[in-house]
Amino acid sequence: MDMPKPIAAFFATETGDDADALVASFADDATVDDEAASHVGHAAIRAWWTGAREKYQQTTDVLEAHGGADAVTVRCRVSGRFPGSPITLDFRFALADERITRLEIR
């Protein structure tokens, strides 16, 4: 599936444990909105990602992606240790200067 490089890097980390690679795909002041909470900056995004992986032990399968150069929505099937698993979620990315500036998961 054709996705901008930082988004492809984000999803590539889903199969491993490389928090450094995940954080590198985000701008320094990026925001992740997930589960009614906002996580701003590299340290907060790292803590969000490692905490979610430990808590939910999820896997993410990309189903489709659409958008342009500065905004992309990726629909995924997410499975893990949580009620209702698996579920389909939209990952809405905003991009600037080859980095993710915002990610909203809904």
PDB file of N, CA and C in Angstrom:
ATOM      1  N   MET A   1       0.849  -1.171   0.000  1.00  0.00           N
ATOM      2  CA  MET A   1       0.000   0.000   0.000  1.00  0.00           C
ATOM      3  C   MET A   1       0.896   1.236   0.000  1.00  0.00           C
ATOM      4  N   ASP A   2       0.592   2.191  -0.839  1.00  0.00           N
ATOM      5  CA  ASP A   2       1.412   3.385  -0.985  1.00  0.00           C
ATOM      6  C   ASP A   2       1.053   4.414   0.086  1.00  0.00           C
ATOM      7  N   MET A   3       2.019   4.702   0.974  1.00  0.00           N
ATOM      8  CA  MET A   3       1.822   5.687   2.039  1.00  0.00           C
ATOM      9  C   MET A   3       3.064   6.550   2.126  1.00  0.00           C
ATOM     10  N   PRO A   4       2.935   7.804   2.599  1.00  0.00           N
ATOM     11  CA  PRO A   4       4.125   8.622   2.821  1.00  0.00           C
ATOM     12  C   PRO A   4       5.105   7.919   3.773  1.00  0.00           C
ATOM     13  N   LYS A   5       6.366   8.201   3.586  1.00  0.00           N
ATOM     14  CA  LYS A   5       7.441   7.525   4.330  1.00  0.00           C
ATOM     15  C   LYS A   5       7.251   7.525   5.856  1.00  0.00           C
ATOM     16  N   PRO A   6       6.910   8.657   6.501  1.00  0.00           N
ATOM     17  CA  PRO A   6       6.767   8.601   7.966  1.00  0.00           C
ATOM     18  C   PRO A   6       5.604   7.723   8.426  1.00  0.00           C
ATOM     19  N   ILE A   7       4.544   7.645   7.630  1.00  0.00           N
ATOM     20  CA  ILE A   7       3.415   6.792   7.999  1.00  0.00           C
ATOM     21  C   ILE A   7       3.784   5.324   7.805  1.00  0.00           C
ATOM     22  N   ALA A   8       4.469   5.022   6.714  1.00  0.00           N
ATOM     23  CA  ALA A   8       4.943   3.652   6.506  1.00  0.00           C
ATOM     24  C   ALA A   8       5.876   3.241   7.640  1.00  0.00           C
ATOM     25  N   ALA A   9       6.744   4.156   8.090  1.00  0.00           N
ATOM     26  CA  ALA A   9       7.652   3.858   9.210  1.00  0.00           C
ATOM     27  C   ALA A   9       6.867   3.612  10.490  1.00  0.00           C
ATOM     28  N   PHE A  10       5.817   4.398  10.720  1.00  0.00           N
ATOM     29  CA  PHE A  10       4.967   4.206  11.899  1.00  0.00           C
ATOM     30  C   PHE A  10       4.403   2.793  11.922  1.00  0.00           C
ATOM     31  N   PHE A  11       3.809   2.354  10.815  1.00  0.00           N
ATOM     32  CA  PHE A  11       3.201   1.029  10.786  1.00  0.00           C
ATOM     33  C   PHE A  11       4.249  -0.086  10.780  1.00  0.00           C
ATOM     34  N   ALA A  12       5.434   0.159  10.270  1.00  0.00           N
ATOM     35  CA  ALA A  12       6.505  -0.849  10.305  1.00  0.00           C
ATOM     36  C   ALA A  12       6.899  -1.161  11.745  1.00  0.00           C
ATOM     37  N   THR A  13       6.801  -0.190  12.644  1.00  0.00           N
ATOM     38  CA  THR A  13       7.164  -0.426  14.048  1.00  0.00           C
ATOM     39  C   THR A  13       6.144  -1.294  14.763  1.00  0.00           C
ATOM     40  N   GLU A  14       4.939  -1.408  14.202  1.00  0.00           N
ATOM     41  CA  GLU A  14       3.908  -2.225  14.832  1.00  0.00           C
ATOM     42  C   GLU A  14       4.312  -3.695  14.921  1.00  0.00           C
ATOM     43  N   THR A  15       5.242  -4.133  14.099  1.00  0.00           N
ATOM     44  CA  THR A  15       5.669  -5.533  14.124  1.00  0.00           C
ATOM     45  C   THR A  15       6.925  -5.733  14.961  1.00  0.00           C
ATOM     46  N   GLY A  16       7.434  -4.686  15.563  1.00  0.00           N
ATOM     47  CA  GLY A  16       8.648  -4.800  16.367  1.00  0.00           C
ATOM     48  C   GLY A  16       8.521  -4.035  17.664  1.00  0.00           C
ATOM     49  N   ASP A  17       9.645  -3.802  18.290  1.00  0.00           N
ATOM     50  CA  ASP A  17       9.662  -3.098  19.567  1.00  0.00           C
ATOM     51  C   ASP A  17      10.570  -1.879  19.534  1.00  0.00           C
ATOM     52  N   ASP A  18      10.715  -1.248  18.374  1.00  0.00           N
ATOM     53  CA  ASP A  18      11.657  -0.151  18.212  1.00  0.00           C
ATOM     54  C   ASP A  18      10.975   1.193  18.441  1.00  0.00           C
ATOM     55  N   ALA A  19      10.892   1.597  19.696  1.00  0.00           N
ATOM     56  CA  ALA A  19      10.265   2.871  20.037  1.00  0.00           C
ATOM     57  C   ALA A  19      11.025   4.041  19.429  1.00  0.00           C
ATOM     58  N   ASP A  20      12.351   3.920  19.289  1.00  0.00           N
ATOM     59  CA  ASP A  20      13.136   4.998  18.680  1.00  0.00           C
ATOM     60  C   ASP A  20      12.709   5.237  17.238  1.00  0.00           C
ATOM     61  N   ALA A  21      12.482   4.167  16.477  1.00  0.00           N
ATOM     62  CA  ALA A  21      12.049   4.305  15.082  1.00  0.00           C
ATOM     63  C   ALA A  21      10.664   4.930  15.015  1.00  0.00           C
ATOM     64  N   LEU A  22       9.789   4.537  15.911  1.00  0.00           N
ATOM     65  CA  LEU A  22       8.444   5.118  15.930  1.00  0.00           C
ATOM     66  C   LEU A  22       8.527   6.612  16.212  1.00  0.00           C
ATOM     67  N   VAL A  23       9.227   6.999  17.249  1.00  0.00           N
ATOM     68  CA  VAL A  23       9.311   8.403  17.641  1.00  0.00           C
ATOM     69  C   VAL A  23       9.980   9.235  16.545  1.00  0.00           C
ATOM     70  N   ALA A  24      10.919   8.668  15.830  1.00  0.00           N
ATOM     71  CA  ALA A  24      11.621   9.392  14.767  1.00  0.00           C
ATOM     72  C   ALA A  24      10.690   9.792  13.624  1.00  0.00           C
ATOM     73  N   SER A  25       9.559   9.121  13.477  1.00  0.00           N
ATOM     74  CA  SER A  25       8.626   9.464  12.411  1.00  0.00           C
ATOM     75  C   SER A  25       7.758  10.682  12.777  1.00  0.00           C
ATOM     76  N   PHE A  26       7.833  11.147  14.030  1.00  0.00           N
ATOM     77  CA  PHE A  26       7.030  12.270  14.504  1.00  0.00           C
ATOM     78  C   PHE A  26       7.869  13.546  14.617  1.00  0.00           C
ATOM     79  N   ALA A  27       7.221  14.694  14.362  1.00  0.00           N
ATOM     80  CA  ALA A  27       7.837  15.992  14.628  1.00  0.00           C
ATOM     81  C   ALA A  27       8.059  16.130  16.132  1.00  0.00           C
ATOM     82  N   ASP A  28       8.998  16.987  16.515  1.00  0.00           N
ATOM     83  CA  ASP A  28       9.329  17.163  17.934  1.00  0.00           C
ATOM     84  C   ASP A  28       8.113  17.536  18.786  1.00  0.00           C
ATOM     85  N   ASP A  29       7.220  18.358  18.234  1.00  0.00           N
ATOM     86  CA  ASP A  29       6.056  18.832  18.991  1.00  0.00           C
ATOM     87  C   ASP A  29       4.752  18.165  18.539  1.00  0.00           C
ATOM     88  N   ALA A  30       4.847  16.985  17.954  1.00  0.00           N
ATOM     89  CA  ALA A  30       3.675  16.268  17.453  1.00  0.00           C
ATOM     90  C   ALA A  30       2.722  15.899  18.577  1.00  0.00           C
ATOM     91  N   THR A  31       1.470  15.649  18.185  1.00  0.00           N
ATOM     92  CA  THR A  31       0.421  15.251  19.120  1.00  0.00           C
ATOM     93  C   THR A  31      -0.221  13.962  18.655  1.00  0.00           C
ATOM     94  N   VAL A  32      -0.444  13.046  19.607  1.00  0.00           N
ATOM     95  CA  VAL A  32      -1.230  11.843  19.354  1.00  0.00           C
ATOM     96  C   VAL A  32      -2.472  11.927  20.233  1.00  0.00           C
ATOM     97  N   ASP A  33      -3.637  11.798  19.599  1.00  0.00           N
ATOM     98  CA  ASP A  33      -4.908  11.755  20.321  1.00  0.00           C
ATOM     99  C   ASP A  33      -5.443  10.340  20.231  1.00  0.00           C
ATOM    100  N   ASP A  34      -5.579   9.682  21.378  1.00  0.00           N
ATOM    101  CA  ASP A  34      -6.036   8.293  21.427  1.00  0.00           C
ATOM    102  C   ASP A  34      -6.708   8.063  22.773  1.00  0.00           C
ATOM    103  N   GLU A  35      -7.816   7.361  22.764  1.00  0.00           N
ATOM    104  CA  GLU A  35      -8.547   7.014  23.989  1.00  0.00           C
ATOM    105  C   GLU A  35      -8.804   8.233  24.869  1.00  0.00           C
ATOM    106  N   ALA A  36      -9.283   9.322  24.246  1.00  0.00           N
ATOM    107  CA  ALA A  36      -9.671  10.553  24.944  1.00  0.00           C
ATOM    108  C   ALA A  36      -8.517  11.225  25.688  1.00  0.00           C
ATOM    109  N   ALA A  37      -7.293  10.990  25.237  1.00  0.00           N
ATOM    110  CA  ALA A  37      -6.129  11.638  25.839  1.00  0.00           C
ATOM    111  C   ALA A  37      -5.209  12.137  24.731  1.00  0.00           C
ATOM    112  N   SER A  38      -4.512  13.245  25.011  1.00  0.00           N
ATOM    113  CA  SER A  38      -3.531  13.793  24.080  1.00  0.00           C
ATOM    114  C   SER A  38      -2.136  13.574  24.632  1.00  0.00           C
ATOM    115  N   HIS A  39      -1.230  13.215  23.743  1.00  0.00           N
ATOM    116  CA  HIS A  39       0.169  12.953  24.101  1.00  0.00           C
ATOM    117  C   HIS A  39       1.014  13.847  23.199  1.00  0.00           C
ATOM    118  N   VAL A  40       1.738  14.801  23.785  1.00  0.00           N
ATOM    119  CA  VAL A  40       2.450  15.819  23.018  1.00  0.00           C
ATOM    120  C   VAL A  40       3.957  15.679  23.224  1.00  0.00           C
ATOM    121  N   GLY A  41       4.688  15.612  22.117  1.00  0.00           N
ATOM    122  CA  GLY A  41       6.146  15.534  22.164  1.00  0.00           C
ATOM    123  C   GLY A  41       6.650  14.103  22.190  1.00  0.00           C
ATOM    124  N   HIS A  42       7.923  13.968  21.873  1.00  0.00           N
ATOM    125  CA  HIS A  42       8.529  12.635  21.736  1.00  0.00           C
ATOM    126  C   HIS A  42       8.427  11.781  22.996  1.00  0.00           C
ATOM    127  N   ALA A  43       8.697  12.345  24.156  1.00  0.00           N
ATOM    128  CA  ALA A  43       8.661  11.542  25.391  1.00  0.00           C
ATOM    129  C   ALA A  43       7.254  11.025  25.666  1.00  0.00           C
ATOM    130  N   ALA A  44       6.261  11.875  25.489  1.00  0.00           N
ATOM    131  CA  ALA A  44       4.874  11.462  25.744  1.00  0.00           C
ATOM    132  C   ALA A  44       4.402  10.444  24.713  1.00  0.00           C
ATOM    133  N   ILE A  45       4.813  10.612  23.468  1.00  0.00           N
ATOM    134  CA  ILE A  45       4.422   9.669  22.418  1.00  0.00           C
ATOM    135  C   ILE A  45       5.080   8.316  22.656  1.00  0.00           C
ATOM    136  N   ARG A  46       6.333   8.313  23.063  1.00  0.00           N
ATOM    137  CA  ARG A  46       7.020   7.052  23.400  1.00  0.00           C
ATOM    138  C   ARG A  46       6.286   6.343  24.547  1.00  0.00           C
ATOM    139  N   ALA A  47       5.930   7.082  25.594  1.00  0.00           N
ATOM    140  CA  ALA A  47       5.240   6.495  26.742  1.00  0.00           C
ATOM    141  C   ALA A  47       3.868   5.955  26.330  1.00  0.00           C
ATOM    142  N   TRP A  48       3.143   6.693  25.482  1.00  0.00           N
ATOM    143  CA  TRP A  48       1.839   6.229  24.983  1.00  0.00           C
ATOM    144  C   TRP A  48       2.000   4.914  24.236  1.00  0.00           C
ATOM    145  N   TRP A  49       2.940   4.859  23.313  1.00  0.00           N
ATOM    146  CA  TRP A  49       3.116   3.685  22.466  1.00  0.00           C
ATOM    147  C   TRP A  49       3.558   2.465  23.273  1.00  0.00           C
ATOM    148  N   THR A  50       4.559   2.624  24.133  1.00  0.00           N
ATOM    149  CA  THR A  50       5.039   1.474  24.912  1.00  0.00           C
ATOM    150  C   THR A  50       3.977   1.017  25.911  1.00  0.00           C
ATOM    151  N   GLY A  51       3.241   1.965  26.498  1.00  0.00           N
ATOM    152  CA  GLY A  51       2.180   1.602  27.429  1.00  0.00           C
ATOM    153  C   GLY A  51       1.057   0.834  26.746  1.00  0.00           C
ATOM    154  N   ALA A  52       0.655   1.288  25.568  1.00  0.00           N
ATOM    155  CA  ALA A  52      -0.421   0.602  24.834  1.00  0.00           C
ATOM    156  C   ALA A  52       0.019  -0.789  24.398  1.00  0.00           C
ATOM    157  N   ARG A  53       1.251  -0.927  23.942  1.00  0.00           N
ATOM    158  CA  ARG A  53       1.746  -2.243  23.513  1.00  0.00           C
ATOM    159  C   ARG A  53       1.758  -3.222  24.686  1.00  0.00           C
ATOM    160  N   GLU A  54       2.192  -2.742  25.838  1.00  0.00           N
ATOM    161  CA  GLU A  54       2.235  -3.612  27.018  1.00  0.00           C
ATOM    162  C   GLU A  54       0.827  -3.981  27.490  1.00  0.00           C
ATOM    163  N   LYS A  55      -0.055  -3.002  27.522  1.00  0.00           N
ATOM    164  CA  LYS A  55      -1.407  -3.217  28.033  1.00  0.00           C
ATOM    165  C   LYS A  55      -2.262  -4.071  27.101  1.00  0.00           C
ATOM    166  N   TYR A  56      -2.224  -3.776  25.798  1.00  0.00           N
ATOM    167  CA  TYR A  56      -3.146  -4.406  24.857  1.00  0.00           C
ATOM    168  C   TYR A  56      -2.537  -5.519  24.011  1.00  0.00           C
ATOM    169  N   GLN A  57      -1.221  -5.547  23.901  1.00  0.00           N
ATOM    170  CA  GLN A  57      -0.525  -6.541  23.071  1.00  0.00           C
ATOM    171  C   GLN A  57      -1.201  -6.648  21.696  1.00  0.00           C
ATOM    172  N   GLN A  58      -1.416  -5.492  21.073  1.00  0.00           N
ATOM    173  CA  GLN A  58      -2.186  -5.427  19.853  1.00  0.00           C
ATOM    174  C   GLN A  58      -1.364  -5.714  18.599  1.00  0.00           C
ATOM    175  N   THR A  59      -2.087  -6.120  17.576  1.00  0.00           N
ATOM    176  CA  THR A  59      -1.548  -6.209  16.229  1.00  0.00           C
ATOM    177  C   THR A  59      -2.430  -5.328  15.352  1.00  0.00           C
ATOM    178  N   THR A  60      -1.821  -4.730  14.357  1.00  0.00           N
ATOM    179  CA  THR A  60      -2.523  -3.804  13.484  1.00  0.00           C
ATOM    180  C   THR A  60      -2.352  -4.237  12.044  1.00  0.00           C
ATOM    181  N   ASP A  61      -3.460  -4.435  11.351  1.00  0.00           N
ATOM    182  CA  ASP A  61      -3.441  -4.789   9.938  1.00  0.00           C
ATOM    183  C   ASP A  61      -4.020  -3.623   9.145  1.00  0.00           C
ATOM    184  N   VAL A  62      -3.211  -3.065   8.252  1.00  0.00           N
ATOM    185  CA  VAL A  62      -3.664  -1.962   7.409  1.00  0.00           C
ATOM    186  C   VAL A  62      -4.632  -2.500   6.366  1.00  0.00           C
ATOM    187  N   LEU A  63      -5.803  -1.869   6.257  1.00  0.00           N
ATOM    188  CA  LEU A  63      -6.822  -2.268   5.296  1.00  0.00           C
ATOM    189  C   LEU A  63      -6.832  -1.369   4.064  1.00  0.00           C
ATOM    190  N   GLU A  64      -6.728  -0.062   4.283  1.00  0.00           N
ATOM    191  CA  GLU A  64      -6.722   0.885   3.168  1.00  0.00           C
ATOM    192  C   GLU A  64      -6.165   2.218   3.638  1.00  0.00           C
ATOM    193  N   ALA A  65      -5.707   3.001   2.680  1.00  0.00           N
ATOM    194  CA  ALA A  65      -5.177   4.332   2.973  1.00  0.00           C
ATOM    195  C   ALA A  65      -5.612   5.279   1.864  1.00  0.00           C
ATOM    196  N   HIS A  66      -5.929   6.512   2.254  1.00  0.00           N
ATOM    197  CA  HIS A  66      -6.250   7.523   1.253  1.00  0.00           C
ATOM    198  C   HIS A  66      -5.922   8.901   1.809  1.00  0.00           C
ATOM    199  N   GLY A  67      -5.671   9.827   0.915  1.00  0.00           N
ATOM    200  CA  GLY A  67      -5.362  11.188   1.313  1.00  0.00           C
ATOM    201  C   GLY A  67      -4.353  11.801   0.374  1.00  0.00           C
ATOM    202  N   GLY A  68      -3.737  12.877   0.824  1.00  0.00           N
ATOM    203  CA  GLY A  68      -2.788  13.615   0.004  1.00  0.00           C
ATOM    204  C   GLY A  68      -1.448  13.760   0.672  1.00  0.00           C
ATOM    205  N   ALA A  69      -0.723  14.808   0.281  1.00  0.00           N
ATOM    206  CA  ALA A  69       0.639  15.004   0.769  1.00  0.00           C
ATOM    207  C   ALA A  69       0.699  15.415   2.238  1.00  0.00           C
ATOM    208  N   ASP A  70      -0.355  16.092   2.735  1.00  0.00           N
ATOM    209  CA  ASP A  70      -0.278  16.583   4.111  1.00  0.00           C
ATOM    210  C   ASP A  70      -1.309  15.982   5.059  1.00  0.00           C
ATOM    211  N   ALA A  71      -2.194  15.113   4.549  1.00  0.00           N
ATOM    212  CA  ALA A  71      -3.190  14.457   5.409  1.00  0.00           C
ATOM    213  C   ALA A  71      -3.544  13.093   4.820  1.00  0.00           C
ATOM    214  N   VAL A  72      -3.438  12.071   5.643  1.00  0.00           N
ATOM    215  CA  VAL A  72      -3.710  10.696   5.198  1.00  0.00           C
ATOM    216  C   VAL A  72      -4.524   9.990   6.273  1.00  0.00           C
ATOM    217  N   THR A  73      -5.554   9.270   5.854  1.00  0.00           N
ATOM    218  CA  THR A  73      -6.320   8.419   6.768  1.00  0.00           C
ATOM    219  C   THR A  73      -6.038   6.971   6.410  1.00  0.00           C
ATOM    220  N   VAL A  74      -5.676   6.190   7.413  1.00  0.00           N
ATOM    221  CA  VAL A  74      -5.380   4.773   7.229  1.00  0.00           C
ATOM    222  C   VAL A  74      -6.372   3.981   8.077  1.00  0.00           C
ATOM    223  N   ARG A  75      -7.165   3.156   7.423  1.00  0.00           N
ATOM    224  CA  ARG A  75      -8.130   2.302   8.121  1.00  0.00           C
ATOM    225  C   ARG A  75      -7.431   0.982   8.455  1.00  0.00           C
ATOM    226  N   CYS A  76      -7.553   0.562   9.723  1.00  0.00           N
ATOM    227  CA  CYS A  76      -6.849  -0.635  10.197  1.00  0.00           C
ATOM    228  C   CYS A  76      -7.775  -1.528  11.017  1.00  0.00           C
ATOM    229  N   ARG A  77      -7.482  -2.807  10.988  1.00  0.00           N
ATOM    230  CA  ARG A  77      -8.105  -3.764  11.899  1.00  0.00           C
ATOM    231  C   ARG A  77      -7.098  -3.979  13.031  1.00  0.00           C
ATOM    232  N   VAL A  78      -7.544  -3.695  14.247  1.00  0.00           N
ATOM    233  CA  VAL A  78      -6.678  -3.804  15.417  1.00  0.00           C
ATOM    234  C   VAL A  78      -7.205  -4.922  16.303  1.00  0.00           C
ATOM    235  N   SER A  79      -6.317  -5.860  16.634  1.00  0.00           N
ATOM    236  CA  SER A  79      -6.656  -6.993  17.500  1.00  0.00           C
ATOM    237  C   SER A  79      -5.755  -6.957  18.717  1.00  0.00           C
ATOM    238  N   GLY A  80      -6.277  -7.405  19.847  1.00  0.00           N
ATOM    239  CA  GLY A  80      -5.452  -7.443  21.051  1.00  0.00           C
ATOM    240  C   GLY A  80      -6.270  -7.800  22.270  1.00  0.00           C
ATOM    241  N   ARG A  81      -5.692  -7.539  23.432  1.00  0.00           N
ATOM    242  CA  ARG A  81      -6.355  -7.830  24.701  1.00  0.00           C
ATOM    243  C   ARG A  81      -7.199  -6.634  25.128  1.00  0.00           C
ATOM    244  N   PHE A  82      -8.356  -6.478  24.497  1.00  0.00           N
ATOM    245  CA  PHE A  82      -9.295  -5.433  24.872  1.00  0.00           C
ATOM    246  C   PHE A  82     -10.693  -5.864  24.440  1.00  0.00           C
ATOM    247  N   PRO A  83     -11.725  -5.370  25.114  1.00  0.00           N
ATOM    248  CA  PRO A  83     -13.096  -5.746  24.777  1.00  0.00           C
ATOM    249  C   PRO A  83     -13.431  -5.377  23.328  1.00  0.00           C
ATOM    250  N   GLY A  84     -14.137  -6.264  22.646  1.00  0.00           N
ATOM    251  CA  GLY A  84     -14.562  -6.003  21.286  1.00  0.00           C
ATOM    252  C   GLY A  84     -13.540  -6.335  20.217  1.00  0.00           C
ATOM    253  N   SER A  85     -12.391  -6.852  20.627  1.00  0.00           N
ATOM    254  CA  SER A  85     -11.332  -7.168  19.661  1.00  0.00           C
ATOM    255  C   SER A  85     -11.801  -8.260  18.711  1.00  0.00           C
ATOM    256  N   PRO A  86     -11.506  -8.128  17.434  1.00  0.00           N
ATOM    257  CA  PRO A  86     -10.836  -7.017  16.750  1.00  0.00           C
ATOM    258  C   PRO A  86     -11.815  -5.893  16.427  1.00  0.00           C
ATOM    259  N   ILE A  87     -11.252  -4.690  16.253  1.00  0.00           N
ATOM    260  CA  ILE A  87     -12.053  -3.529  15.860  1.00  0.00           C
ATOM    261  C   ILE A  87     -11.385  -2.856  14.669  1.00  0.00           C
ATOM    262  N   THR A  88     -12.172  -2.065  13.956  1.00  0.00           N
ATOM    263  CA  THR A  88     -11.638  -1.282  12.843  1.00  0.00           C
ATOM    264  C   THR A  88     -11.532   0.169  13.295  1.00  0.00           C
ATOM    265  N   LEU A  89     -10.351   0.746  13.121  1.00  0.00           N
ATOM    266  CA  LEU A  89     -10.089   2.122  13.541  1.00  0.00           C
ATOM    267  C   LEU A  89      -9.520   2.917  12.379  1.00  0.00           C
ATOM    268  N   ASP A  90      -9.766   4.226  12.397  1.00  0.00           N
ATOM    269  CA  ASP A  90      -9.137   5.143  11.456  1.00  0.00           C
ATOM    270  C   ASP A  90      -7.988   5.846  12.154  1.00  0.00           C
ATOM    271  N   PHE A  91      -6.833   5.808  11.528  1.00  0.00           N
ATOM    272  CA  PHE A  91      -5.647   6.525  11.980  1.00  0.00           C
ATOM    273  C   PHE A  91      -5.532   7.745  11.061  1.00  0.00           C
ATOM    274  N   ARG A  92      -5.783   8.934  11.583  1.00  0.00           N
ATOM    275  CA  ARG A  92      -5.775  10.161  10.787  1.00  0.00           C
ATOM    276  C   ARG A  92      -4.475  10.908  11.050  1.00  0.00           C
ATOM    277  N   PHE A  93      -3.644  10.978  10.033  1.00  0.00           N
ATOM    278  CA  PHE A  93      -2.323  11.584  10.136  1.00  0.00           C
ATOM    279  C   PHE A  93      -2.302  12.956   9.479  1.00  0.00           C
ATOM    280  N   ALA A  94      -1.635  13.917  10.115  1.00  0.00           N
ATOM    281  CA  ALA A  94      -1.275  15.194   9.497  1.00  0.00           C
ATOM    282  C   ALA A  94       0.244  15.189   9.365  1.00  0.00           C
ATOM    283  N   LEU A  95       0.741  15.693   8.251  1.00  0.00           N
ATOM    284  CA  LEU A  95       2.165  15.638   7.950  1.00  0.00           C
ATOM    285  C   LEU A  95       2.708  17.017   7.583  1.00  0.00           C
ATOM    286  N   ALA A  96       3.972  17.232   7.897  1.00  0.00           N
ATOM    287  CA  ALA A  96       4.703  18.423   7.464  1.00  0.00           C
ATOM    288  C   ALA A  96       6.187  18.099   7.517  1.00  0.00           C
ATOM    289  N   ASP A  97       6.922  18.525   6.516  1.00  0.00           N
ATOM    290  CA  ASP A  97       8.384  18.355   6.487  1.00  0.00           C
ATOM    291  C   ASP A  97       8.811  16.919   6.742  1.00  0.00           C
ATOM    292  N   GLU A  98       8.120  15.966   6.091  1.00  0.00           N
ATOM    293  CA  GLU A  98       8.485  14.543   6.184  1.00  0.00           C
ATOM    294  C   GLU A  98       8.349  13.956   7.583  1.00  0.00           C
ATOM    295  N   ARG A  99       7.477  14.542   8.414  1.00  0.00           N
ATOM    296  CA  ARG A  99       7.236  14.044   9.768  1.00  0.00           C
ATOM    297  C   ARG A  99       5.733  14.073  10.052  1.00  0.00           C
ATOM    298  N   ILE A 100       5.310  13.213  10.956  1.00  0.00           N
ATOM    299  CA  ILE A 100       3.932  13.225  11.438  1.00  0.00           C
ATOM    300  C   ILE A 100       3.808  14.350  12.461  1.00  0.00           C
ATOM    301  N   THR A 101       2.854  15.242  12.251  1.00  0.00           N
ATOM    302  CA  THR A 101       2.635  16.334  13.200  1.00  0.00           C
ATOM    303  C   THR A 101       1.449  16.059  14.115  1.00  0.00           C
ATOM    304  N   ARG A 102       0.533  15.232  13.640  1.00  0.00           N
ATOM    305  CA  ARG A 102      -0.634  14.880  14.459  1.00  0.00           C
ATOM    306  C   ARG A 102      -1.145  13.526  14.038  1.00  0.00           C
ATOM    307  N   LEU A 103      -1.571  12.735  15.019  1.00  0.00           N
ATOM    308  CA  LEU A 103      -2.217  11.455  14.775  1.00  0.00           C
ATOM    309  C   LEU A 103      -3.450  11.395  15.661  1.00  0.00           C
ATOM    310  N   GLU A 104      -4.603  11.174  15.032  1.00  0.00           N
ATOM    311  CA  GLU A 104      -5.846  10.959  15.762  1.00  0.00           C
ATOM    312  C   GLU A 104      -6.304   9.535  15.454  1.00  0.00           C
ATOM    313  N   ILE A 105      -6.565   8.765  16.503  1.00  0.00           N
ATOM    314  CA  ILE A 105      -7.035   7.387  16.331  1.00  0.00           C
ATOM    315  C   ILE A 105      -8.474   7.345  16.789  1.00  0.00           C
ATOM    316  N   ARG A 106      -9.352   6.934  15.857  1.00  0.00           N
ATOM    317  CA  ARG A 106     -10.795   6.900  16.150  1.00  0.00           C
ATOM    318  C   ARG A 106     -11.405   5.644  15.581  1.00  0.00           C
TER     319      ARG A 106
END
